[in-house]
């Protein structure tokens, strides 16, 4: 099955060929993708190189923490993409963006405050999890309207930390 995956505004065509082969933009890779324990941590082996990633599914996207960077991936199969394109302009997009904790952790810092204007890519929250500090960035321009956590707070996965409109 083919999927269109959008990360940072760039589209990738991902074709799952079989249990151990995946094609990304026409390049085939040998892969093993194995969950580790009860946590959303996965071991990924690509062409013999091993990587670990934290992967969380939100309502409409996947949050992937990989090598200390957090990526938001929107994944659609080809049929969904065609349907969305056909409906373009007819369905209103969400006005609010709610930053949810991609994993359990502790809030190390919040470099923004309520009422502050932010741009796409600005750091909204620094979250420490599994001894790694992760900068969670804004996916778009907007205004911080509500901060629901404070520095030092412990948060659970999918807990809303702040909102941007």
Foldseek 3Di string as FASTA:
>chain_A
DWKWKAWLNDTWIWDCPDQQWIAINRRIWGWDWAQDPPAQKIWIATNRDIFIWRWADDPAWIWIQGPQETITMGMDGPVVVVVCVVCPPVDDDDPKDFDWAQAWFFWAAAPDDAFDWDAFFQFGTWTDDPNGTHGDTHRGTFGWHDADDHHGDIHHGRHGGTMGD
